[in-house]
Every structure is written in C-alpha cells, then in structure tokens.
Amino acid sequence: MLALNYPHNKNGVWLEFGFGDEKEIEKIAKNIPEGEDWLKEITESNENNLKIAITPDYLHVRGSLIYHQNSQKEDEYKVFHFYTCKGFFITVGLEVGELKQKNQMLHRMQLSRNGVENFCILLSEITNHFLIRIDDFEVKLKNIVGKLQKNNNKNKLNQIFRYRQELITSKSLLIPMEELINAIEETFLNQVTKTSEFNRARLRIKRVMTLVKHYQEEMETLLHLEEAIFSYRGNEIMKALTVITTIFTPVMALGALWGMNFKHMPELEWKFGYLGSLILIFVSTIAIYFYLRFRGWTGGILKGRKKKSLF
C-alpha cells in the first residue's frame, strides 16, 4: 500500500495498492458496498470495464482502466483498477511514479472536499500524460510533412502509418476515460458537476480528444495525398512505357519483317536497301513521336521532376 500524505480521518482519502497487496485489498473489499464483486472483477479482468451503483443509500463508480498501451505491441499495456465514492477512492496497480506532476496533484487533493473530486484530479493528471505525447506527436508531424517534399519514398509512408497507429492507440485509451467521466457525472450529478476539479478533468479530456481527432484528420489527409502521389507516379510510369513502346514500334515491326528467312525477299538485293530502311525507321519513329506530342499524349513524362515538387 502506498503511503500518501493524508491524515486518515480526512474526507476523500486515497487508498493506493499494488497488485501484490492482496490481503489489504481483501480487507478493504469486505468493508465497502459491493466490495466482493469488485474484488472478483479485479482478479478476473485486466481490460477496460466500468460499473456504477446508484442506490438510495450509496453511490459509487468502479472498474478498470488501461492508461498506457504500446502502439506496436498489442499485449504490452498498463491497467489499474479503481473504486470511487464520495468518502474515498481506491486504486490498484497504478504506477504513481510515472505521473509527471505527482506532488502538485497530491497538494490539490489535500485541498479538495471528497473522494470523487480527488479521483477527478487523478484522471486529470493521467490525461495530462496524453497532452505531453500529443505535443511530441505535433513535432513529428511537422517533420514528416517537411521531409515529404524533399524525399517521398516507401520509408516515409511507413512512418505515416506508424504515426497514424499511435493516434489510433491514444484515441482507444481516451474513449474509456471519456466514458468514465460521463459515468461519474451520471452517478453523482450535482454533487460533482459544480466542482472545479470535475469540470477541469472533463474539459481536459475533451481537449485531448479534440486534438487527437484533429491530428487524425491531418494524418488521413496526408495518407490520401500519399496515395494520390503514388497513383500518379504509377500512371506516369505506365504512360511512359506505352509511349516508348509506341515510338519504337516501327523499329520492332520492320526489324521483325526483315528478320524473316523467306527465300524471295527482293529488297534484300537493293543497292540502297539498308540506307533506305534506316531512313524509313527514323522518319516513321519521328512521325509517331510528333503525332503523340501533337495529340498531347506524352503529357509531362519527358520533363524532369522539379527538386521540391511532389509530382
């Protein structure tokens, strides 16, 4: 059990346990409403879940929350279990040391009035971790956009997909938090909705969700741009191959004709047959080239790509 700077008789005390504190957790669970059910949920589930209890005598919210997830490894994540009511709140398995502003958070808790407010302070601090990650992501996004103009290749596309996966992972973690803050409002109503800590947590979660959605839209736009670029370049390659094949058709056709081994081919005896065939090939090739250019079928394939151009 983590020793926090709270007097034990203070309303809103935070009881923090590690996964190994089984005896202490069982002792607490026996003395709280629906504690046995909560204890069973802790031992059986390590996924997001949420339950609320609304009775004339007692209100509480309990469940489990995944607060960290490796976007590249699905089975690498961190989860904690919670139980919050007006008098106190309990967490199991939360790595408090990873919270950036732990001391400030504890100071705010000492000034609050009840367990629900304190739990909202904790949610607010966990959400702050996402804000820091989003700031880092913003820098990555600016860098990748700048690099795309200089060197657009398969590696850049892989980077875009990795960043997109990070956003999807962050969003999947924030959705249960959004559900949790709504469940707290549904359960405690005016007891918490008018408090500054609840509203601060709700607005912070909303702000992070807005940023994630915004950057997700940017990533989707970037992916669509990449798809358009690769599609355009693929079409240009096919067009170039078609034009080259068409231009050299006279060479291939006449070469195939004069490569035959028929006995009677009178042009083989002509004095200027070789020179005439070269002139015919050259003239027909040039004629086809100018015809394609006149029709506009060569497009820009004969022009080099500019240094900072995506196309």
Protein backbone atom coordinates (compact mmCIF):
# COMPACT_ATOMS: atom_id res chain seq x y z
CA MET A 1 0.00 0.00 0.00
CA LEU A 2 1.35 3.40 -0.96
CA ALA A 3 1.65 5.86 1.91
CA LEU A 4 0.30 9.23 0.81
CA ASN A 5 0.41 12.49 2.70
CA TYR A 6 -3.15 12.32 4.02
CA PRO A 7 -4.48 12.33 7.55
CA HIS A 8 -6.52 9.12 7.90
CA ASN A 9 -9.61 10.95 9.09
CA LYS A 10 -9.62 13.25 6.06
CA ASN A 11 -12.65 13.01 3.82
CA GLY A 12 -11.61 11.89 0.33
CA VAL A 13 -8.63 9.73 1.30
CA TRP A 14 -6.80 7.90 -1.50
CA LEU A 15 -6.00 4.24 -0.84
CA GLU A 16 -3.41 3.06 -3.35
CA PHE A 17 -2.46 -0.62 -3.60
CA GLY A 18 -0.11 -2.64 -5.76
CA PHE A 19 -1.16 -5.88 -7.43
CA GLY A 20 0.71 -7.79 -4.71
CA ASP A 21 -1.25 -6.26 -1.82
CA GLU A 22 -3.93 -8.96 -1.97
CA LYS A 23 -4.59 -9.25 1.77
CA GLU A 24 -5.00 -5.50 2.25
CA ILE A 25 -7.31 -5.29 -0.77
CA GLU A 26 -9.46 -8.15 0.54
CA LYS A 27 -9.72 -6.46 3.94
CA ILE A 28 -10.89 -3.21 2.35
CA ALA A 29 -13.27 -5.00 -0.03
CA LYS A 30 -15.12 -6.65 2.86
CA ASN A 31 -16.00 -3.26 4.30
CA ILE A 32 -17.31 -1.42 1.22
CA PRO A 33 -20.60 -1.84 -0.67
CA GLU A 34 -20.31 -4.44 -3.46
CA GLY A 35 -16.67 -4.88 -2.47
CA GLU A 36 -16.74 -8.64 -3.04
CA ASP A 37 -17.96 -8.10 -6.60
CA TRP A 38 -15.25 -5.52 -7.20
CA LEU A 39 -12.59 -7.88 -5.84
CA LYS A 40 -13.78 -10.60 -8.21
CA GLU A 41 -13.63 -8.17 -11.13
CA ILE A 42 -10.04 -7.25 -10.23
CA THR A 43 -8.88 -10.87 -10.23
CA GLU A 44 -10.73 -11.87 -13.40
CA SER A 45 -10.24 -8.90 -15.73
CA ASN A 46 -7.36 -6.77 -16.96
CA GLU A 47 -9.37 -4.95 -19.63
CA ASN A 48 -11.37 -1.73 -19.62
CA ASN A 49 -14.64 -2.09 -17.74
CA LEU A 50 -16.95 0.25 -15.89
CA LYS A 51 -19.82 -0.20 -13.44
CA ILE A 52 -21.87 2.26 -11.44
CA ALA A 53 -24.02 1.74 -8.34
CA ILE A 54 -26.94 4.08 -7.74
CA THR A 55 -28.97 3.26 -4.63
CA PRO A 56 -30.85 5.47 -2.15
CA ASP A 57 -28.11 4.88 0.43
CA TYR A 58 -24.92 4.67 -1.57
CA LEU A 59 -23.31 5.85 -4.84
CA HIS A 60 -20.07 4.64 -6.34
CA VAL A 61 -18.24 4.05 -9.62
CA ARG A 62 -15.82 1.17 -10.08
CA GLY A 63 -13.97 -0.58 -12.85
CA SER A 64 -10.64 -0.94 -14.66
CA LEU A 65 -8.85 1.47 -16.97
CA ILE A 66 -5.99 0.89 -19.42
CA TYR A 67 -3.91 4.05 -19.22
CA HIS A 68 -0.87 3.05 -21.29
CA GLN A 69 -0.61 0.95 -24.46
CA ASN A 70 2.34 0.23 -26.75
CA SER A 71 1.05 1.04 -30.25
CA GLN A 72 3.37 -1.58 -31.80
CA LYS A 73 2.76 -4.39 -29.29
CA GLU A 74 -0.86 -5.17 -28.50
CA ASP A 75 -0.12 -7.23 -25.38
CA GLU A 76 2.10 -4.54 -23.80
CA TYR A 77 -0.16 -2.30 -21.75
CA LYS A 78 -0.75 -0.99 -18.21
CA VAL A 79 -4.06 -1.15 -16.38
CA PHE A 80 -5.28 -0.09 -12.97
CA HIS A 81 -8.48 -0.84 -11.07
CA PHE A 82 -10.47 1.79 -9.19
CA TYR A 83 -13.34 2.25 -6.79
CA THR A 84 -14.55 5.78 -6.06
CA CYS A 85 -17.27 7.21 -3.85
CA LYS A 86 -17.83 10.46 -2.02
CA GLY A 87 -15.88 9.46 1.08
CA PHE A 88 -12.75 7.96 -0.51
CA PHE A 89 -11.34 6.32 -3.61
CA ILE A 90 -9.17 3.25 -4.15
CA THR A 91 -6.75 2.38 -6.95
CA VAL A 92 -4.96 -0.91 -7.54
CA GLY A 93 -1.93 -1.28 -9.82
CA LEU A 94 -1.49 2.36 -10.78
CA GLU A 95 2.18 3.31 -11.23
CA VAL A 96 2.03 6.68 -9.49
CA GLY A 97 5.74 7.32 -10.04
CA GLU A 98 5.15 7.79 -13.77
CA LEU A 99 2.89 10.79 -13.22
CA LYS A 100 4.86 13.91 -14.13
CA GLN A 101 3.31 16.28 -11.59
CA LYS A 102 2.70 13.91 -8.71
CA ASN A 103 3.47 16.41 -5.91
CA GLN A 104 1.22 19.10 -7.36
CA MET A 105 -1.53 16.51 -7.78
CA LEU A 106 -1.28 15.44 -4.12
CA HIS A 107 -1.36 19.06 -3.00
CA ARG A 108 -4.56 19.65 -4.98
CA MET A 109 -6.08 16.54 -3.41
CA GLN A 110 -5.42 17.89 0.07
CA LEU A 111 -7.46 20.98 -0.80
CA SER A 112 -10.43 19.10 -2.26
CA ARG A 113 -13.55 18.03 -0.41
CA ASN A 114 -14.28 14.38 -1.25
CA GLY A 115 -13.10 11.19 -2.91
CA VAL A 116 -14.82 11.84 -6.23
CA GLU A 117 -13.09 15.20 -6.62
CA ASN A 118 -9.76 13.59 -5.77
CA PHE A 119 -10.35 10.86 -8.33
CA CYS A 120 -11.10 13.54 -10.92
CA ILE A 121 -7.77 15.16 -10.05
CA LEU A 122 -6.08 11.81 -10.72
CA LEU A 123 -7.89 11.47 -14.06
CA SER A 124 -6.83 14.99 -14.96
CA GLU A 125 -3.19 14.14 -14.28
CA ILE A 126 -3.37 10.91 -16.30
CA THR A 127 -4.88 12.89 -19.17
CA ASN A 128 -2.00 15.35 -18.91
CA HIS A 129 0.29 12.49 -19.94
CA PHE A 130 -1.60 12.32 -23.25
CA LEU A 131 -1.15 16.06 -23.77
CA ILE A 132 2.61 15.65 -23.47
CA ARG A 133 2.56 12.82 -26.01
CA ILE A 134 0.46 14.90 -28.39
CA ASP A 135 2.97 17.76 -28.17
CA ASP A 136 5.69 15.30 -29.21
CA PHE A 137 3.46 13.99 -31.97
CA GLU A 138 2.94 17.52 -33.31
CA VAL A 139 6.71 17.88 -33.76
CA LYS A 140 6.88 14.51 -35.55
CA LEU A 141 4.04 15.51 -37.86
CA LYS A 142 5.71 18.78 -38.84
CA ASN A 143 8.97 16.94 -39.54
CA ILE A 144 7.36 14.29 -41.72
CA VAL A 145 5.45 16.89 -43.75
CA GLY A 146 8.71 18.76 -44.37
CA LYS A 147 10.54 15.58 -45.38
CA LEU A 148 7.84 14.51 -47.83
CA GLN A 149 8.69 17.34 -50.23
CA LYS A 150 12.41 16.56 -50.11
CA ASN A 151 12.28 12.79 -50.33
CA ASN A 152 8.98 10.98 -50.72
CA ASN A 153 9.50 7.22 -50.62
CA LYS A 154 8.29 3.99 -49.06
CA ASN A 155 10.02 4.71 -45.73
CA LYS A 156 8.07 7.94 -45.33
CA LEU A 157 4.84 6.07 -45.98
CA ASN A 158 5.77 3.56 -43.27
CA GLN A 159 6.39 6.44 -40.86
CA ILE A 160 2.99 7.93 -41.63
CA PHE A 161 1.31 4.60 -40.90
CA ARG A 162 3.22 4.27 -37.60
CA TYR A 163 2.17 7.77 -36.51
CA ARG A 164 -1.39 7.01 -37.53
CA GLN A 165 -1.30 3.87 -35.39
CA GLU A 166 -0.07 5.95 -32.42
CA LEU A 167 -3.06 8.25 -32.79
CA ILE A 168 -5.50 5.35 -33.04
CA THR A 169 -3.97 3.84 -29.88
CA SER A 170 -4.24 7.15 -27.99
CA LYS A 171 -7.84 7.54 -29.06
CA SER A 172 -8.69 4.00 -27.94
CA LEU A 173 -7.30 4.86 -24.48
CA LEU A 174 -9.13 8.17 -24.26
CA ILE A 175 -12.58 6.84 -25.16
CA PRO A 176 -12.90 4.80 -21.89
CA MET A 177 -11.73 7.87 -19.95
CA GLU A 178 -14.42 9.93 -21.64
CA GLU A 179 -16.96 7.26 -20.73
CA LEU A 180 -15.68 7.24 -17.14
CA ILE A 181 -16.05 10.99 -16.63
CA ASN A 182 -19.59 10.77 -18.03
CA ALA A 183 -20.36 7.88 -15.67
CA ILE A 184 -19.16 9.97 -12.72
CA GLU A 185 -21.49 12.77 -13.79
CA GLU A 186 -24.38 10.32 -14.22
CA THR A 187 -23.80 8.80 -10.78
CA PHE A 188 -23.13 11.82 -8.59
CA LEU A 189 -24.94 14.57 -10.56
CA ASN A 190 -24.87 17.93 -8.73
CA GLN A 191 -22.57 16.58 -6.05
CA VAL A 192 -19.67 16.81 -8.51
CA THR A 193 -20.82 18.66 -11.64
CA LYS A 194 -20.47 22.03 -9.92
CA THR A 195 -16.99 21.31 -8.59
CA SER A 196 -13.97 22.81 -10.32
CA GLU A 197 -11.93 19.57 -10.31
CA PHE A 198 -14.62 17.56 -12.09
CA ASN A 199 -15.07 20.24 -14.75
CA ARG A 200 -11.31 20.61 -15.12
CA ALA A 201 -10.93 16.87 -15.73
CA ARG A 202 -13.88 16.77 -18.13
CA LEU A 203 -12.58 19.73 -20.14
CA ARG A 204 -9.05 18.33 -20.26
CA ILE A 205 -10.28 15.00 -21.60
CA LYS A 206 -12.40 16.88 -24.13
CA ARG A 207 -9.39 18.99 -25.17
CA VAL A 208 -7.19 15.94 -25.69
CA MET A 209 -9.91 14.19 -27.70
CA THR A 210 -10.29 17.29 -29.89
CA LEU A 211 -6.54 17.37 -30.56
CA VAL A 212 -6.41 13.65 -31.33
CA LYS A 213 -9.32 13.96 -33.78
CA HIS A 214 -7.70 16.99 -35.40
CA TYR A 215 -4.36 15.25 -35.92
CA GLN A 216 -6.12 12.10 -37.04
CA GLU A 217 -7.81 14.12 -39.78
CA GLU A 218 -4.42 15.54 -40.76
CA MET A 219 -2.93 12.05 -40.94
CA GLU A 220 -5.82 10.82 -43.09
CA THR A 221 -5.30 13.81 -45.41
CA LEU A 222 -1.59 13.02 -45.56
CA LEU A 223 -2.32 9.38 -46.40
CA HIS A 224 -4.75 10.39 -49.14
CA LEU A 225 -2.06 12.70 -50.53
CA GLU A 226 0.46 9.86 -50.48
CA GLU A 227 -1.99 7.56 -52.25
CA ALA A 228 -2.59 10.23 -54.89
CA ILE A 229 1.15 10.73 -55.40
CA PHE A 230 1.88 7.01 -55.75
CA SER A 231 -1.11 6.56 -58.05
CA TYR A 232 0.02 9.49 -60.20
CA ARG A 233 3.56 8.16 -60.42
CA GLY A 234 2.30 4.69 -61.28
CA ASN A 235 0.17 6.14 -64.07
CA GLU A 236 3.15 8.15 -65.31
CA ILE A 237 5.28 5.00 -65.44
CA MET A 238 2.62 3.13 -67.41
CA LYS A 239 2.19 6.11 -69.73
CA ALA A 240 5.96 6.32 -70.28
CA LEU A 241 6.18 2.62 -71.09
CA THR A 242 3.26 2.92 -73.50
CA VAL A 243 4.80 5.94 -75.27
CA ILE A 244 8.22 4.25 -75.53
CA THR A 245 6.64 1.08 -76.90
CA THR A 246 4.63 3.10 -79.46
CA ILE A 247 7.63 5.18 -80.59
CA PHE A 248 9.77 2.11 -81.18
CA THR A 249 7.02 0.15 -82.92
CA PRO A 250 8.47 0.92 -86.45
CA VAL A 251 11.88 -0.40 -85.40
CA MET A 252 10.38 -3.59 -84.00
CA ALA A 253 7.93 -4.11 -86.87
CA LEU A 254 10.43 -3.51 -89.68
CA GLY A 255 13.12 -5.45 -87.83
CA ALA A 256 10.73 -8.40 -87.49
CA LEU A 257 9.81 -8.13 -91.19
CA TRP A 258 13.39 -8.08 -92.45
CA GLY A 259 14.45 -10.71 -89.99
CA MET A 260 12.36 -13.31 -91.80
CA ASN A 261 14.15 -16.07 -93.73
CA PHE A 262 11.91 -16.31 -96.78
CA LYS A 263 13.78 -17.16 -99.99
CA HIS A 264 12.18 -14.48 -102.15
CA MET A 265 12.73 -11.06 -100.49
CA PRO A 266 13.66 -8.72 -103.40
CA GLU A 267 14.51 -5.72 -101.16
CA LEU A 268 17.49 -7.64 -99.81
CA GLU A 269 19.15 -7.23 -103.23
CA TRP A 270 18.54 -3.48 -103.46
CA LYS A 271 21.71 -1.41 -103.60
CA PHE A 272 20.44 1.21 -101.17
CA GLY A 273 18.08 -1.08 -99.25
CA TYR A 274 19.97 -0.80 -95.94
CA LEU A 275 20.16 3.01 -96.11
CA GLY A 276 16.51 3.19 -97.16
CA SER A 277 15.42 1.02 -94.23
CA LEU A 278 17.31 3.24 -91.77
CA ILE A 279 15.70 6.35 -93.24
CA LEU A 280 12.26 4.72 -93.14
CA ILE A 281 12.71 3.69 -89.50
CA PHE A 282 13.98 7.15 -88.49
CA VAL A 283 11.23 9.04 -90.34
CA SER A 284 8.42 6.80 -89.06
CA THR A 285 9.73 7.00 -85.47
CA ILE A 286 9.95 10.81 -85.59
CA ALA A 287 6.49 10.99 -87.20
CA ILE A 288 4.94 8.87 -84.43
CA TYR A 289 6.69 10.96 -81.75
CA PHE A 290 5.37 14.26 -83.11
CA TYR A 291 1.91 12.74 -83.57
CA LEU A 292 1.84 11.68 -79.90
CA ARG A 293 3.12 15.11 -78.85
CA PHE A 294 0.54 16.88 -81.06
CA ARG A 295 -2.26 14.83 -79.50
CA GLY A 296 -0.95 15.64 -76.01
CA TRP A 297 -0.46 12.01 -75.10
CA THR A 298 3.12 12.38 -73.89
CA GLY A 299 1.98 14.64 -71.03
CA GLY A 300 4.86 15.62 -68.75
CA ILE A 301 6.74 12.32 -68.88
CA LEU A 302 9.53 13.81 -70.97
CA LYS A 303 10.13 16.55 -68.40
CA GLY A 304 12.16 16.00 -65.25
CA ARG A 305 10.59 16.38 -61.79
CA LYS A 306 11.46 19.63 -60.06
CA LYS A 307 13.50 19.43 -56.87
CA LYS A 308 10.73 20.38 -54.41
CA SER A 309 7.83 19.02 -56.43
CA LEU A 310 5.86 16.05 -55.11
CA PHE A 311 4.98 15.04 -58.67
